[in-house]
Amino acid sequence: MEELNVNAQALVEYANVLKAISHPARLCIVKGLVKEGPSNVSNMHVCLELAQSTVSQHLSRLKSAGIIKGERNGTEIIYSIDNDFVAEIVKNMND
């Protein structure tokens, strides 16, 4: 068998990103941001039918994983995708 040329650090980073989007609510958030574009937590919590605090916790996890970013606009934060790898994964998912 031919020896695999593997970048172990890249695999760890990919695994961490995949773990972050493995929760159904977080995957739904990411899919929504890819499909609909930037959004705030208020819009997301209504769409997801989850408490705003729960959505905020999921957003925090996605942000710390480097998948999304948040930009302040007055009193609200607008979230958007900040990871092309994840965006491509989600775009290739069948609905």
PDB file of N, CA and C in Angstrom:
ATOM      1  N   MET A   1       0.848  -1.183   0.000  1.00  0.00           N
ATOM      2  CA  MET A   1       0.000   0.000   0.000  1.00  0.00           C
ATOM      3  C   MET A   1       0.889   1.241   0.000  1.00  0.00           C
ATOM      4  N   GLU A   2       0.524   2.203  -0.801  1.00  0.00           N
ATOM      5  CA  GLU A   2       1.299   3.433  -0.900  1.00  0.00           C
ATOM      6  C   GLU A   2       1.100   4.273   0.355  1.00  0.00           C
ATOM      7  N   GLU A   3       2.206   4.844   0.842  1.00  0.00           N
ATOM      8  CA  GLU A   3       2.137   5.670   2.039  1.00  0.00           C
ATOM      9  C   GLU A   3       1.343   6.946   1.743  1.00  0.00           C
ATOM     10  N   LEU A   4       0.442   7.285   2.653  1.00  0.00           N
ATOM     11  CA  LEU A   4      -0.359   8.499   2.500  1.00  0.00           C
ATOM     12  C   LEU A   4       0.430   9.709   2.963  1.00  0.00           C
ATOM     13  N   ASN A   5       0.367  10.761   2.187  1.00  0.00           N
ATOM     14  CA  ASN A   5       0.988  12.025   2.570  1.00  0.00           C
ATOM     15  C   ASN A   5      -0.103  12.859   3.230  1.00  0.00           C
ATOM     16  N   VAL A   6      -0.105  12.873   4.565  1.00  0.00           N
ATOM     17  CA  VAL A   6      -1.187  13.487   5.324  1.00  0.00           C
ATOM     18  C   VAL A   6      -0.661  14.668   6.135  1.00  0.00           C
ATOM     19  N   ASN A   7      -1.382  15.779   6.049  1.00  0.00           N
ATOM     20  CA  ASN A   7      -1.086  16.933   6.889  1.00  0.00           C
ATOM     21  C   ASN A   7      -1.956  16.793   8.137  1.00  0.00           C
ATOM     22  N   ALA A   8      -1.365  16.277   9.203  1.00  0.00           N
ATOM     23  CA  ALA A   8      -2.117  15.983  10.418  1.00  0.00           C
ATOM     24  C   ALA A   8      -2.791  17.217  10.998  1.00  0.00           C
ATOM     25  N   GLN A   9      -2.131  18.356  10.971  1.00  0.00           N
ATOM     26  CA  GLN A   9      -2.716  19.577  11.528  1.00  0.00           C
ATOM     27  C   GLN A   9      -3.959  19.987  10.738  1.00  0.00           C
ATOM     28  N   ALA A  10      -3.908  19.869   9.426  1.00  0.00           N
ATOM     29  CA  ALA A  10      -5.079  20.208   8.604  1.00  0.00           C
ATOM     30  C   ALA A  10      -6.236  19.278   8.928  1.00  0.00           C
ATOM     31  N   LEU A  11      -5.959  18.002   9.139  1.00  0.00           N
ATOM     32  CA  LEU A  11      -7.022  17.051   9.478  1.00  0.00           C
ATOM     33  C   LEU A  11      -7.659  17.391  10.816  1.00  0.00           C
ATOM     34  N   VAL A  12      -6.855  17.819  11.778  1.00  0.00           N
ATOM     35  CA  VAL A  12      -7.386  18.220  13.085  1.00  0.00           C
ATOM     36  C   VAL A  12      -8.288  19.440  12.925  1.00  0.00           C
ATOM     37  N   GLU A  13      -7.861  20.394  12.115  1.00  0.00           N
ATOM     38  CA  GLU A  13      -8.668  21.595  11.892  1.00  0.00           C
ATOM     39  C   GLU A  13      -9.982  21.258  11.192  1.00  0.00           C
ATOM     40  N   TYR A  14      -9.929  20.396  10.176  1.00  0.00           N
ATOM     41  CA  TYR A  14     -11.157  19.970   9.493  1.00  0.00           C
ATOM     42  C   TYR A  14     -12.090  19.249  10.463  1.00  0.00           C
ATOM     43  N   ALA A  15     -11.530  18.380  11.288  1.00  0.00           N
ATOM     44  CA  ALA A  15     -12.346  17.637  12.260  1.00  0.00           C
ATOM     45  C   ALA A  15     -13.031  18.593  13.229  1.00  0.00           C
ATOM     46  N   ASN A  16     -12.318  19.613  13.691  1.00  0.00           N
ATOM     47  CA  ASN A  16     -12.918  20.578  14.616  1.00  0.00           C
ATOM     48  C   ASN A  16     -14.048  21.362  13.965  1.00  0.00           C
ATOM     49  N   VAL A  17     -13.872  21.732  12.709  1.00  0.00           N
ATOM     50  CA  VAL A  17     -14.924  22.443  11.988  1.00  0.00           C
ATOM     51  C   VAL A  17     -16.138  21.538  11.812  1.00  0.00           C
ATOM     52  N   LEU A  18     -15.912  20.302  11.433  1.00  0.00           N
ATOM     53  CA  LEU A  18     -17.020  19.367  11.240  1.00  0.00           C
ATOM     54  C   LEU A  18     -17.750  19.090  12.546  1.00  0.00           C
ATOM     55  N   LYS A  19     -17.029  19.018  13.657  1.00  0.00           N
ATOM     56  CA  LYS A  19     -17.668  18.853  14.967  1.00  0.00           C
ATOM     57  C   LYS A  19     -18.577  20.039  15.274  1.00  0.00           C
ATOM     58  N   ALA A  20     -18.098  21.226  14.955  1.00  0.00           N
ATOM     59  CA  ALA A  20     -18.874  22.436  15.261  1.00  0.00           C
ATOM     60  C   ALA A  20     -20.182  22.486  14.488  1.00  0.00           C
ATOM     61  N   ILE A  21     -20.210  21.979  13.265  1.00  0.00           N
ATOM     62  CA  ILE A  21     -21.458  22.024  12.487  1.00  0.00           C
ATOM     63  C   ILE A  21     -22.264  20.727  12.610  1.00  0.00           C
ATOM     64  N   SER A  22     -21.816  19.806  13.477  1.00  0.00           N
ATOM     65  CA  SER A  22     -22.484  18.509  13.575  1.00  0.00           C
ATOM     66  C   SER A  22     -23.822  18.559  14.315  1.00  0.00           C
ATOM     67  N   HIS A  23     -24.088  19.603  15.069  1.00  0.00           N
ATOM     68  CA  HIS A  23     -25.374  19.732  15.768  1.00  0.00           C
ATOM     69  C   HIS A  23     -26.426  20.227  14.778  1.00  0.00           C
ATOM     70  N   PRO A  24     -27.615  19.629  14.781  1.00  0.00           N
ATOM     71  CA  PRO A  24     -28.652  20.038  13.812  1.00  0.00           C
ATOM     72  C   PRO A  24     -28.974  21.533  13.822  1.00  0.00           C
ATOM     73  N   ALA A  25     -29.017  22.149  14.993  1.00  0.00           N
ATOM     74  CA  ALA A  25     -29.331  23.589  15.052  1.00  0.00           C
ATOM     75  C   ALA A  25     -28.206  24.409  14.441  1.00  0.00           C
ATOM     76  N   ARG A  26     -26.962  24.042  14.726  1.00  0.00           N
ATOM     77  CA  ARG A  26     -25.837  24.793  14.154  1.00  0.00           C
ATOM     78  C   ARG A  26     -25.754  24.586  12.647  1.00  0.00           C
ATOM     79  N   LEU A  27     -26.021  23.384  12.199  1.00  0.00           N
ATOM     80  CA  LEU A  27     -26.033  23.128  10.767  1.00  0.00           C
ATOM     81  C   LEU A  27     -27.138  23.931  10.088  1.00  0.00           C
ATOM     82  N   CYS A  28     -28.287  24.027  10.737  1.00  0.00           N
ATOM     83  CA  CYS A  28     -29.394  24.822  10.200  1.00  0.00           C
ATOM     84  C   CYS A  28     -29.015  26.303  10.133  1.00  0.00           C
ATOM     85  N   ILE A  29     -28.341  26.799  11.153  1.00  0.00           N
ATOM     86  CA  ILE A  29     -27.897  28.198  11.153  1.00  0.00           C
ATOM     87  C   ILE A  29     -26.960  28.440   9.982  1.00  0.00           C
ATOM     88  N   VAL A  30     -25.986  27.557   9.825  1.00  0.00           N
ATOM     89  CA  VAL A  30     -25.010  27.720   8.744  1.00  0.00           C
ATOM     90  C   VAL A  30     -25.696  27.627   7.385  1.00  0.00           C
ATOM     91  N   LYS A  31     -26.583  26.659   7.215  1.00  0.00           N
ATOM     92  CA  LYS A  31     -27.308  26.530   5.942  1.00  0.00           C
ATOM     93  C   LYS A  31     -28.107  27.788   5.648  1.00  0.00           C
ATOM     94  N   GLY A  32     -28.750  28.335   6.676  1.00  0.00           N
ATOM     95  CA  GLY A  32     -29.525  29.560   6.490  1.00  0.00           C
ATOM     96  C   GLY A  32     -28.651  30.739   6.090  1.00  0.00           C
ATOM     97  N   LEU A  33     -27.499  30.860   6.714  1.00  0.00           N
ATOM     98  CA  LEU A  33     -26.594  31.964   6.382  1.00  0.00           C
ATOM     99  C   LEU A  33     -26.022  31.810   4.971  1.00  0.00           C
ATOM    100  N   VAL A  34     -25.753  30.573   4.568  1.00  0.00           N
ATOM    101  CA  VAL A  34     -25.243  30.343   3.208  1.00  0.00           C
ATOM    102  C   VAL A  34     -26.335  30.644   2.190  1.00  0.00           C
ATOM    103  N   LYS A  35     -27.529  30.162   2.455  1.00  0.00           N
ATOM    104  CA  LYS A  35     -28.629  30.297   1.490  1.00  0.00           C
ATOM    105  C   LYS A  35     -29.236  31.702   1.463  1.00  0.00           C
ATOM    106  N   GLU A  36     -29.461  32.294   2.635  1.00  0.00           N
ATOM    107  CA  GLU A  36     -30.181  33.565   2.731  1.00  0.00           C
ATOM    108  C   GLU A  36     -29.278  34.776   2.928  1.00  0.00           C
ATOM    109  N   GLY A  37     -28.046  34.546   3.322  1.00  0.00           N
ATOM    110  CA  GLY A  37     -27.131  35.651   3.577  1.00  0.00           C
ATOM    111  C   GLY A  37     -27.130  36.061   5.038  1.00  0.00           C
ATOM    112  N   PRO A  38     -26.430  37.145   5.353  1.00  0.00           N
ATOM    113  CA  PRO A  38     -26.277  37.595   6.743  1.00  0.00           C
ATOM    114  C   PRO A  38     -27.607  37.791   7.459  1.00  0.00           C
ATOM    115  N   SER A  39     -27.577  37.559   8.779  1.00  0.00           N
ATOM    116  CA  SER A  39     -28.791  37.660   9.579  1.00  0.00           C
ATOM    117  C   SER A  39     -28.427  37.967  11.022  1.00  0.00           C
ATOM    118  N   ASN A  40     -29.425  38.416  11.769  1.00  0.00           N
ATOM    119  CA  ASN A  40     -29.221  38.654  13.199  1.00  0.00           C
ATOM    120  C   ASN A  40     -29.856  37.532  14.016  1.00  0.00           C
ATOM    121  N   VAL A  41     -29.564  37.478  15.292  1.00  0.00           N
ATOM    122  CA  VAL A  41     -30.041  36.397  16.148  1.00  0.00           C
ATOM    123  C   VAL A  41     -31.571  36.407  16.265  1.00  0.00           C
ATOM    124  N   SER A  42     -32.186  37.553  16.222  1.00  0.00           N
ATOM    125  CA  SER A  42     -33.648  37.628  16.326  1.00  0.00           C
ATOM    126  C   SER A  42     -34.324  36.903  15.164  1.00  0.00           C
ATOM    127  N   ASN A  43     -33.837  37.139  13.953  1.00  0.00           N
ATOM    128  CA  ASN A  43     -34.407  36.448  12.793  1.00  0.00           C
ATOM    129  C   ASN A  43     -34.176  34.940  12.878  1.00  0.00           C
ATOM    130  N   MET A  44     -32.996  34.556  13.332  1.00  0.00           N
ATOM    131  CA  MET A  44     -32.660  33.140  13.407  1.00  0.00           C
ATOM    132  C   MET A  44     -33.505  32.411  14.434  1.00  0.00           C
ATOM    133  N   HIS A  45     -33.720  33.018  15.592  1.00  0.00           N
ATOM    134  CA  HIS A  45     -34.440  32.304  16.644  1.00  0.00           C
ATOM    135  C   HIS A  45     -35.905  32.099  16.261  1.00  0.00           C
ATOM    136  N   VAL A  46     -36.490  32.996  15.511  1.00  0.00           N
ATOM    137  CA  VAL A  46     -37.865  32.814  15.044  1.00  0.00           C
ATOM    138  C   VAL A  46     -37.917  31.689  14.018  1.00  0.00           C
ATOM    139  N   CYS A  47     -36.978  31.688  13.093  1.00  0.00           N
ATOM    140  CA  CYS A  47     -36.920  30.673  12.044  1.00  0.00           C
ATOM    141  C   CYS A  47     -36.657  29.281  12.624  1.00  0.00           C
ATOM    142  N   LEU A  48     -35.767  29.203  13.604  1.00  0.00           N
ATOM    143  CA  LEU A  48     -35.390  27.915  14.181  1.00  0.00           C
ATOM    144  C   LEU A  48     -36.367  27.433  15.243  1.00  0.00           C
ATOM    145  N   GLU A  49     -37.236  28.316  15.712  1.00  0.00           N
ATOM    146  CA  GLU A  49     -38.170  28.022  16.785  1.00  0.00           C
ATOM    147  C   GLU A  49     -37.444  27.570  18.046  1.00  0.00           C
ATOM    148  N   LEU A  50     -36.331  28.242  18.335  1.00  0.00           N
ATOM    149  CA  LEU A  50     -35.557  28.023  19.548  1.00  0.00           C
ATOM    150  C   LEU A  50     -35.486  29.330  20.320  1.00  0.00           C
ATOM    151  N   ALA A  51     -35.249  29.222  21.609  1.00  0.00           N
ATOM    152  CA  ALA A  51     -35.081  30.425  22.426  1.00  0.00           C
ATOM    153  C   ALA A  51     -33.890  31.219  21.918  1.00  0.00           C
ATOM    154  N   GLN A  52     -33.981  32.529  22.013  1.00  0.00           N
ATOM    155  CA  GLN A  52     -32.905  33.394  21.541  1.00  0.00           C
ATOM    156  C   GLN A  52     -31.592  33.074  22.260  1.00  0.00           C
ATOM    157  N   SER A  53     -31.663  32.752  23.543  1.00  0.00           N
ATOM    158  CA  SER A  53     -30.448  32.419  24.293  1.00  0.00           C
ATOM    159  C   SER A  53     -29.804  31.136  23.761  1.00  0.00           C
ATOM    160  N   THR A  54     -30.617  30.178  23.342  1.00  0.00           N
ATOM    161  CA  THR A  54     -30.100  28.935  22.781  1.00  0.00           C
ATOM    162  C   THR A  54     -29.412  29.199  21.450  1.00  0.00           C
ATOM    163  N   VAL A  55     -30.035  30.002  20.609  1.00  0.00           N
ATOM    164  CA  VAL A  55     -29.437  30.355  19.323  1.00  0.00           C
ATOM    165  C   VAL A  55     -28.123  31.091  19.555  1.00  0.00           C
ATOM    166  N   SER A  56     -28.092  31.988  20.532  1.00  0.00           N
ATOM    167  CA  SER A  56     -26.870  32.727  20.841  1.00  0.00           C
ATOM    168  C   SER A  56     -25.745  31.789  21.265  1.00  0.00           C
ATOM    169  N   GLN A  57     -26.065  30.750  22.025  1.00  0.00           N
ATOM    170  CA  GLN A  57     -25.043  29.771  22.424  1.00  0.00           C
ATOM    171  C   GLN A  57     -24.496  29.036  21.206  1.00  0.00           C
ATOM    172  N   HIS A  58     -25.368  28.650  20.285  1.00  0.00           N
ATOM    173  CA  HIS A  58     -24.922  27.974  19.064  1.00  0.00           C
ATOM    174  C   HIS A  58     -24.071  28.919  18.208  1.00  0.00           C
ATOM    175  N   LEU A  59     -24.467  30.173  18.118  1.00  0.00           N
ATOM    176  CA  LEU A  59     -23.693  31.156  17.361  1.00  0.00           C
ATOM    177  C   LEU A  59     -22.306  31.332  17.965  1.00  0.00           C
ATOM    178  N   SER A  60     -22.229  31.344  19.273  1.00  0.00           N
ATOM    179  CA  SER A  60     -20.946  31.472  19.953  1.00  0.00           C
ATOM    180  C   SER A  60     -20.024  30.305  19.608  1.00  0.00           C
ATOM    181  N   ARG A  61     -20.577  29.110  19.573  1.00  0.00           N
ATOM    182  CA  ARG A  61     -19.777  27.921  19.215  1.00  0.00           C
ATOM    183  C   ARG A  61     -19.283  28.023  17.775  1.00  0.00           C
ATOM    184  N   LEU A  62     -20.164  28.434  16.863  1.00  0.00           N
ATOM    185  CA  LEU A  62     -19.777  28.575  15.454  1.00  0.00           C
ATOM    186  C   LEU A  62     -18.725  29.667  15.274  1.00  0.00           C
ATOM    187  N   LYS A  63     -18.876  30.741  16.030  1.00  0.00           N
ATOM    188  CA  LYS A  63     -17.921  31.849  15.927  1.00  0.00           C
ATOM    189  C   LYS A  63     -16.554  31.432  16.454  1.00  0.00           C
ATOM    190  N   SER A  64     -16.523  30.727  17.579  1.00  0.00           N
ATOM    191  CA  SER A  64     -15.239  30.303  18.141  1.00  0.00           C
ATOM    192  C   SER A  64     -14.542  29.274  17.261  1.00  0.00           C
ATOM    193  N   ALA A  65     -15.309  28.559  16.437  1.00  0.00           N
ATOM    194  CA  ALA A  65     -14.733  27.583  15.503  1.00  0.00           C
ATOM    195  C   ALA A  65     -14.282  28.248  14.205  1.00  0.00           C
ATOM    196  N   GLY A  66     -14.530  29.557  14.072  1.00  0.00           N
ATOM    197  CA  GLY A  66     -14.104  30.274  12.872  1.00  0.00           C
ATOM    198  C   GLY A  66     -14.996  30.047  11.668  1.00  0.00           C
ATOM    199  N   ILE A  67     -16.235  29.654  11.916  1.00  0.00           N
ATOM    200  CA  ILE A  67     -17.167  29.364  10.829  1.00  0.00           C
ATOM    201  C   ILE A  67     -17.982  30.590  10.448  1.00  0.00           C
ATOM    202  N   ILE A  68     -18.325  31.390  11.439  1.00  0.00           N
ATOM    203  CA  ILE A  68     -19.095  32.609  11.185  1.00  0.00           C
ATOM    204  C   ILE A  68     -18.371  33.792  11.817  1.00  0.00           C
ATOM    205  N   LYS A  69     -18.806  34.977  11.421  1.00  0.00           N
ATOM    206  CA  LYS A  69     -18.316  36.202  12.043  1.00  0.00           C
ATOM    207  C   LYS A  69     -19.523  37.074  12.332  1.00  0.00           C
ATOM    208  N   GLY A  70     -19.367  37.960  13.286  1.00  0.00           N
ATOM    209  CA  GLY A  70     -20.430  38.881  13.636  1.00  0.00           C
ATOM    210  C   GLY A  70     -19.939  40.312  13.554  1.00  0.00           C
ATOM    211  N   GLU A  71     -20.751  41.154  12.933  1.00  0.00           N
ATOM    212  CA  GLU A  71     -20.414  42.572  12.828  1.00  0.00           C
ATOM    213  C   GLU A  71     -21.536  43.388  13.448  1.00  0.00           C
ATOM    214  N   ARG A  72     -21.144  44.277  14.333  1.00  0.00           N
ATOM    215  CA  ARG A  72     -22.136  45.111  15.021  1.00  0.00           C
ATOM    216  C   ARG A  72     -22.702  46.145  14.067  1.00  0.00           C
ATOM    217  N   ASN A  73     -24.032  46.271  14.115  1.00  0.00           N
ATOM    218  CA  ASN A  73     -24.759  47.273  13.347  1.00  0.00           C
ATOM    219  C   ASN A  73     -25.732  47.936  14.315  1.00  0.00           C
ATOM    220  N   GLY A  74     -25.292  49.008  14.934  1.00  0.00           N
ATOM    221  CA  GLY A  74     -26.121  49.653  15.956  1.00  0.00           C
ATOM    222  C   GLY A  74     -26.195  48.757  17.182  1.00  0.00           C
ATOM    223  N   THR A  75     -27.406  48.362  17.559  1.00  0.00           N
ATOM    224  CA  THR A  75     -27.588  47.523  18.752  1.00  0.00           C
ATOM    225  C   THR A  75     -27.611  46.033  18.436  1.00  0.00           C
ATOM    226  N   GLU A  76     -27.553  45.663  17.163  1.00  0.00           N
ATOM    227  CA  GLU A  76     -27.612  44.245  16.816  1.00  0.00           C
ATOM    228  C   GLU A  76     -26.306  43.777  16.174  1.00  0.00           C
ATOM    229  N   ILE A  77     -26.124  42.474  16.174  1.00  0.00           N
ATOM    230  CA  ILE A  77     -24.966  41.874  15.522  1.00  0.00           C
ATOM    231  C   ILE A  77     -25.469  41.087  14.326  1.00  0.00           C
ATOM    232  N   ILE A  78     -24.880  41.347  13.185  1.00  0.00           N
ATOM    233  CA  ILE A  78     -25.239  40.645  11.959  1.00  0.00           C
ATOM    234  C   ILE A  78     -24.198  39.555  11.728  1.00  0.00           C
ATOM    235  N   TYR A  79     -24.660  38.311  11.633  1.00  0.00           N
ATOM    236  CA  TYR A  79     -23.770  37.166  11.451  1.00  0.00           C
ATOM    237  C   TYR A  79     -23.714  36.765   9.985  1.00  0.00           C
ATOM    238  N   SER A  80     -22.531  36.324   9.563  1.00  0.00           N
ATOM    239  CA  SER A  80     -22.344  35.839   8.201  1.00  0.00           C
ATOM    240  C   SER A  80     -21.287  34.733   8.198  1.00  0.00           C
ATOM    241  N   ILE A  81     -21.244  33.988   7.118  1.00  0.00           N
ATOM    242  CA  ILE A  81     -20.277  32.901   6.969  1.00  0.00           C
ATOM    243  C   ILE A  81     -18.875  33.488   6.817  1.00  0.00           C
ATOM    244  N   ASP A  82     -17.916  32.862   7.492  1.00  0.00           N
ATOM    245  CA  ASP A  82     -16.533  33.316   7.433  1.00  0.00           C
ATOM    246  C   ASP A  82     -15.591  32.145   7.130  1.00  0.00           C
ATOM    247  N   ASN A  83     -16.125  31.096   6.492  1.00  0.00           N
ATOM    248  CA  ASN A  83     -15.330  29.907   6.231  1.00  0.00           C
ATOM    249  C   ASN A  83     -15.782  29.302   4.895  1.00  0.00           C
ATOM    250  N   ASP A  84     -14.970  29.456   3.877  1.00  0.00           N
ATOM    251  CA  ASP A  84     -15.321  28.965   2.542  1.00  0.00           C
ATOM    252  C   ASP A  84     -15.457  27.448   2.497  1.00  0.00           C
ATOM    253  N   PHE A  85     -14.650  26.737   3.274  1.00  0.00           N
ATOM    254  CA  PHE A  85     -14.717  25.279   3.337  1.00  0.00           C
ATOM    255  C   PHE A  85     -16.111  24.829   3.774  1.00  0.00           C
ATOM    256  N   VAL A  86     -16.618  25.429   4.846  1.00  0.00           N
ATOM    257  CA  VAL A  86     -17.943  25.085   5.366  1.00  0.00           C
ATOM    258  C   VAL A  86     -19.031  25.504   4.383  1.00  0.00           C
ATOM    259  N   ALA A  87     -18.881  26.675   3.786  1.00  0.00           N
ATOM    260  CA  ALA A  87     -19.873  27.139   2.813  1.00  0.00           C
ATOM    261  C   ALA A  87     -19.995  26.149   1.656  1.00  0.00           C
ATOM    262  N   GLU A  88     -18.869  25.622   1.178  1.00  0.00           N
ATOM    263  CA  GLU A  88     -18.905  24.646   0.083  1.00  0.00           C
ATOM    264  C   GLU A  88     -19.552  23.343   0.514  1.00  0.00           C
ATOM    265  N   ILE A  89     -19.277  22.903   1.726  1.00  0.00           N
ATOM    266  CA  ILE A  89     -19.912  21.678   2.238  1.00  0.00           C
ATOM    267  C   ILE A  89     -21.424  21.849   2.235  1.00  0.00           C
ATOM    268  N   VAL A  90     -21.894  22.953   2.780  1.00  0.00           N
ATOM    269  CA  VAL A  90     -23.321  23.192   2.906  1.00  0.00           C
ATOM    270  C   VAL A  90     -23.977  23.355   1.537  1.00  0.00           C
ATOM    271  N   LYS A  91     -23.313  24.037   0.625  1.00  0.00           N
ATOM    272  CA  LYS A  91     -23.859  24.222  -0.732  1.00  0.00           C
ATOM    273  C   LYS A  91     -24.049  22.884  -1.439  1.00  0.00           C
ATOM    274  N   ASN A  92     -23.209  21.913  -1.118  1.00  0.00           N
ATOM    275  CA  ASN A  92     -23.268  20.612  -1.784  1.00  0.00           C
ATOM    276  C   ASN A  92     -24.218  19.627  -1.096  1.00  0.00           C
ATOM    277  N   MET A  93     -24.853  20.043  -0.024  1.00  0.00           N
ATOM    278  CA  MET A  93     -25.820  19.169   0.660  1.00  0.00           C
ATOM    279  C   MET A  93     -27.138  19.176  -0.080  1.00  0.00           C
ATOM    280  N   ASN A  94     -27.757  18.024  -0.147  1.00  0.00           N
ATOM    281  CA  ASN A  94     -29.101  17.948  -0.724  1.00  0.00           C
ATOM    282  C   ASN A  94     -30.109  18.312   0.359  1.00  0.00           C
ATOM    283  N   ASP A  95     -31.086  19.108   0.003  1.00  0.00           N
ATOM    284  CA  ASP A  95     -32.110  19.490   0.995  1.00  0.00           C
ATOM    285  C   ASP A  95     -33.145  18.423   1.177  1.00  0.00           C
TER     286      ASP A  95
END
